[in-house]
Amino acid sequence: MIDEIYNYRQSNMPAVEFSDEWSKLCIPFEESLTEEQLITFHKLLEIQIATSADEIKAVYKAGFKDGVTLMSEIQE
């Protein structure tokens, strides 16, 4: 059930823009890569994004469970 709550809330969360620092570093870096290197770099970014998303979901679930534990302790 926590997954369903997270997945529902996830669609309502605002998108985060890349920072100016990212743009200043990434664009020239990407332009310096060969086509093969650029494909590899984008695959690495996709892996990093997926890993970050998994970590955020795990933290959300842990926080939700902590909140429930806290509420039950207060009721005692």
N, C-alpha and C. Protein backbone atom coordinates (compact mmCIF):
# COMPACT_ATOMS: atom_id res chain seq x y z
N MET A 1 0.81 -1.18 0.00
CA MET A 1 0.00 0.00 0.00
C MET A 1 0.87 1.26 0.00
N ILE A 2 1.99 1.22 0.69
CA ILE A 2 2.89 2.39 0.71
C ILE A 2 3.37 2.69 -0.70
N ASP A 3 3.65 1.63 -1.48
CA ASP A 3 4.08 1.84 -2.86
C ASP A 3 3.01 2.57 -3.67
N GLU A 4 1.76 2.19 -3.48
CA GLU A 4 0.67 2.83 -4.22
C GLU A 4 0.55 4.31 -3.84
N ILE A 5 0.69 4.59 -2.55
CA ILE A 5 0.63 5.99 -2.09
C ILE A 5 1.79 6.77 -2.70
N TYR A 6 2.98 6.20 -2.66
CA TYR A 6 4.15 6.87 -3.23
C TYR A 6 3.96 7.11 -4.72
N ASN A 7 3.52 6.08 -5.44
CA ASN A 7 3.36 6.21 -6.89
C ASN A 7 2.31 7.26 -7.25
N TYR A 8 1.25 7.35 -6.45
CA TYR A 8 0.23 8.37 -6.70
C TYR A 8 0.81 9.76 -6.45
N ARG A 9 1.50 9.93 -5.33
CA ARG A 9 2.08 11.23 -4.98
C ARG A 9 3.17 11.63 -5.96
N GLN A 10 3.89 10.65 -6.46
CA GLN A 10 5.01 10.94 -7.36
C GLN A 10 4.52 11.70 -8.59
N SER A 11 3.34 11.37 -9.10
CA SER A 11 2.83 12.04 -10.29
C SER A 11 2.41 13.48 -9.99
N ASN A 12 2.24 13.83 -8.72
CA ASN A 12 1.85 15.19 -8.35
C ASN A 12 3.03 16.05 -7.92
N MET A 13 4.23 15.48 -7.91
CA MET A 13 5.40 16.24 -7.47
C MET A 13 5.92 17.09 -8.62
N PRO A 14 6.33 18.33 -8.29
CA PRO A 14 6.84 19.19 -9.37
C PRO A 14 8.17 18.67 -9.91
N ALA A 15 8.38 18.88 -11.19
CA ALA A 15 9.63 18.48 -11.81
C ALA A 15 10.73 19.44 -11.38
N VAL A 16 11.91 18.90 -11.22
CA VAL A 16 13.05 19.71 -10.81
C VAL A 16 13.88 20.03 -12.05
N GLU A 17 14.24 21.29 -12.19
CA GLU A 17 15.05 21.73 -13.33
C GLU A 17 16.53 21.47 -13.02
N PHE A 18 17.31 21.27 -14.08
CA PHE A 18 18.75 21.16 -13.90
C PHE A 18 19.29 22.52 -13.45
N SER A 19 20.31 22.49 -12.62
CA SER A 19 20.92 23.73 -12.15
C SER A 19 21.72 24.39 -13.27
N ASP A 20 22.01 25.67 -13.09
CA ASP A 20 22.86 26.38 -14.06
C ASP A 20 24.24 25.74 -14.12
N GLU A 21 24.73 25.30 -12.97
CA GLU A 21 26.04 24.66 -12.92
C GLU A 21 26.06 23.40 -13.79
N TRP A 22 24.97 22.62 -13.73
CA TRP A 22 24.87 21.40 -14.55
C TRP A 22 24.95 21.76 -16.03
N SER A 23 24.18 22.75 -16.43
CA SER A 23 24.17 23.16 -17.84
C SER A 23 25.54 23.65 -18.29
N LYS A 24 26.20 24.42 -17.43
CA LYS A 24 27.52 24.96 -17.79
C LYS A 24 28.55 23.84 -17.96
N LEU A 25 28.42 22.78 -17.17
CA LEU A 25 29.38 21.68 -17.25
C LEU A 25 28.98 20.63 -18.28
N CYS A 26 27.71 20.30 -18.32
CA CYS A 26 27.26 19.16 -19.12
C CYS A 26 27.28 19.44 -20.62
N ILE A 27 26.78 20.59 -21.02
CA ILE A 27 26.68 20.87 -22.46
C ILE A 27 28.04 20.85 -23.14
N PRO A 28 29.04 21.58 -22.62
CA PRO A 28 30.36 21.49 -23.27
C PRO A 28 30.96 20.08 -23.19
N PHE A 29 30.70 19.40 -22.07
CA PHE A 29 31.22 18.03 -21.94
C PHE A 29 30.62 17.12 -22.99
N GLU A 30 29.29 17.16 -23.14
CA GLU A 30 28.63 16.32 -24.14
C GLU A 30 29.12 16.64 -25.55
N GLU A 31 29.34 17.91 -25.83
CA GLU A 31 29.81 18.30 -27.16
C GLU A 31 31.22 17.79 -27.45
N SER A 32 31.98 17.49 -26.41
CA SER A 32 33.35 17.00 -26.61
C SER A 32 33.42 15.49 -26.81
N LEU A 33 32.30 14.80 -26.63
CA LEU A 33 32.29 13.34 -26.71
C LEU A 33 32.03 12.85 -28.12
N THR A 34 32.55 11.66 -28.40
CA THR A 34 32.19 11.00 -29.66
C THR A 34 30.77 10.45 -29.52
N GLU A 35 30.20 10.02 -30.61
CA GLU A 35 28.84 9.48 -30.58
C GLU A 35 28.73 8.27 -29.64
N GLU A 36 29.71 7.40 -29.70
CA GLU A 36 29.71 6.21 -28.83
C GLU A 36 29.84 6.61 -27.36
N GLN A 37 30.71 7.57 -27.07
CA GLN A 37 30.87 8.04 -25.70
C GLN A 37 29.61 8.72 -25.19
N LEU A 38 28.95 9.46 -26.07
CA LEU A 38 27.72 10.16 -25.70
C LEU A 38 26.62 9.15 -25.35
N ILE A 39 26.52 8.08 -26.11
CA ILE A 39 25.53 7.03 -25.82
C ILE A 39 25.84 6.40 -24.47
N THR A 40 27.11 6.10 -24.22
CA THR A 40 27.50 5.51 -22.93
C THR A 40 27.21 6.47 -21.78
N PHE A 41 27.53 7.75 -21.97
CA PHE A 41 27.26 8.76 -20.94
C PHE A 41 25.76 8.83 -20.63
N HIS A 42 24.92 8.83 -21.65
CA HIS A 42 23.48 8.89 -21.43
C HIS A 42 22.97 7.63 -20.73
N LYS A 43 23.53 6.47 -21.05
CA LYS A 43 23.15 5.24 -20.35
C LYS A 43 23.53 5.33 -18.87
N LEU A 44 24.72 5.87 -18.61
CA LEU A 44 25.16 6.04 -17.21
C LEU A 44 24.22 7.00 -16.46
N LEU A 45 23.82 8.07 -17.12
CA LEU A 45 22.88 9.00 -16.49
C LEU A 45 21.54 8.31 -16.18
N GLU A 46 21.06 7.49 -17.10
CA GLU A 46 19.80 6.77 -16.88
C GLU A 46 19.92 5.82 -15.69
N ILE A 47 21.06 5.15 -15.56
CA ILE A 47 21.28 4.25 -14.42
C ILE A 47 21.29 5.06 -13.12
N GLN A 48 21.97 6.21 -13.13
CA GLN A 48 22.03 7.06 -11.94
C GLN A 48 20.64 7.56 -11.56
N ILE A 49 19.85 7.96 -12.53
CA ILE A 49 18.49 8.43 -12.27
C ILE A 49 17.64 7.32 -11.66
N ALA A 50 17.73 6.13 -12.22
CA ALA A 50 16.96 5.00 -11.70
C ALA A 50 17.39 4.66 -10.28
N THR A 51 18.69 4.69 -10.01
CA THR A 51 19.20 4.41 -8.67
C THR A 51 18.70 5.46 -7.68
N SER A 52 18.77 6.71 -8.06
CA SER A 52 18.29 7.80 -7.20
C SER A 52 16.81 7.65 -6.91
N ALA A 53 16.03 7.31 -7.93
CA ALA A 53 14.59 7.13 -7.75
C ALA A 53 14.31 5.99 -6.77
N ASP A 54 15.06 4.89 -6.89
CA ASP A 54 14.89 3.77 -5.96
C ASP A 54 15.23 4.18 -4.53
N GLU A 55 16.29 4.97 -4.37
CA GLU A 55 16.70 5.43 -3.05
C GLU A 55 15.64 6.35 -2.45
N ILE A 56 15.10 7.25 -3.25
CA ILE A 56 14.07 8.17 -2.77
C ILE A 56 12.82 7.40 -2.34
N LYS A 57 12.46 6.40 -3.12
CA LYS A 57 11.29 5.58 -2.78
C LYS A 57 11.51 4.83 -1.47
N ALA A 58 12.71 4.29 -1.28
CA ALA A 58 13.03 3.57 -0.04
C ALA A 58 12.97 4.51 1.16
N VAL A 59 13.48 5.73 1.00
CA VAL A 59 13.45 6.71 2.09
C VAL A 59 12.01 7.12 2.40
N TYR A 60 11.20 7.29 1.37
CA TYR A 60 9.78 7.63 1.56
C TYR A 60 9.08 6.54 2.37
N LYS A 61 9.32 5.29 1.98
CA LYS A 61 8.69 4.17 2.68
C LYS A 61 9.16 4.09 4.13
N ALA A 62 10.45 4.30 4.35
CA ALA A 62 10.98 4.26 5.73
C ALA A 62 10.38 5.39 6.55
N GLY A 63 10.27 6.57 5.97
CA GLY A 63 9.67 7.70 6.68
C GLY A 63 8.21 7.47 6.99
N PHE A 64 7.49 6.88 6.05
CA PHE A 64 6.08 6.56 6.27
C PHE A 64 5.94 5.58 7.44
N LYS A 65 6.78 4.55 7.43
CA LYS A 65 6.73 3.56 8.51
C LYS A 65 7.11 4.19 9.85
N ASP A 66 8.11 5.08 9.84
CA ASP A 66 8.49 5.77 11.07
C ASP A 66 7.33 6.62 11.59
N GLY A 67 6.63 7.28 10.68
CA GLY A 67 5.48 8.10 11.07
C GLY A 67 4.38 7.26 11.72
N VAL A 68 4.11 6.10 11.15
CA VAL A 68 3.11 5.20 11.72
C VAL A 68 3.54 4.71 13.10
N THR A 69 4.81 4.35 13.24
CA THR A 69 5.34 3.92 14.54
C THR A 69 5.21 5.03 15.57
N LEU A 70 5.56 6.23 15.18
CA LEU A 70 5.46 7.38 16.08
C LEU A 70 4.02 7.60 16.52
N MET A 71 3.08 7.53 15.60
CA MET A 71 1.66 7.73 15.95
C MET A 71 1.19 6.64 16.88
N SER A 72 1.60 5.39 16.67
CA SER A 72 1.16 4.30 17.55
C SER A 72 1.77 4.46 18.94
N GLU A 73 3.02 4.93 19.02
CA GLU A 73 3.65 5.14 20.32
C GLU A 73 2.95 6.26 21.08
N ILE A 74 2.54 7.29 20.38
CA ILE A 74 1.84 8.41 21.04
C ILE A 74 0.50 7.95 21.59
N GLN A 75 -0.16 7.02 20.92
CA GLN A 75 -1.46 6.52 21.35
C GLN A 75 -1.37 5.66 22.59
N GLU A 76 -0.19 5.14 22.90
CA GLU A 76 -0.05 4.23 24.06
C GLU A 76 -0.07 4.97 25.36
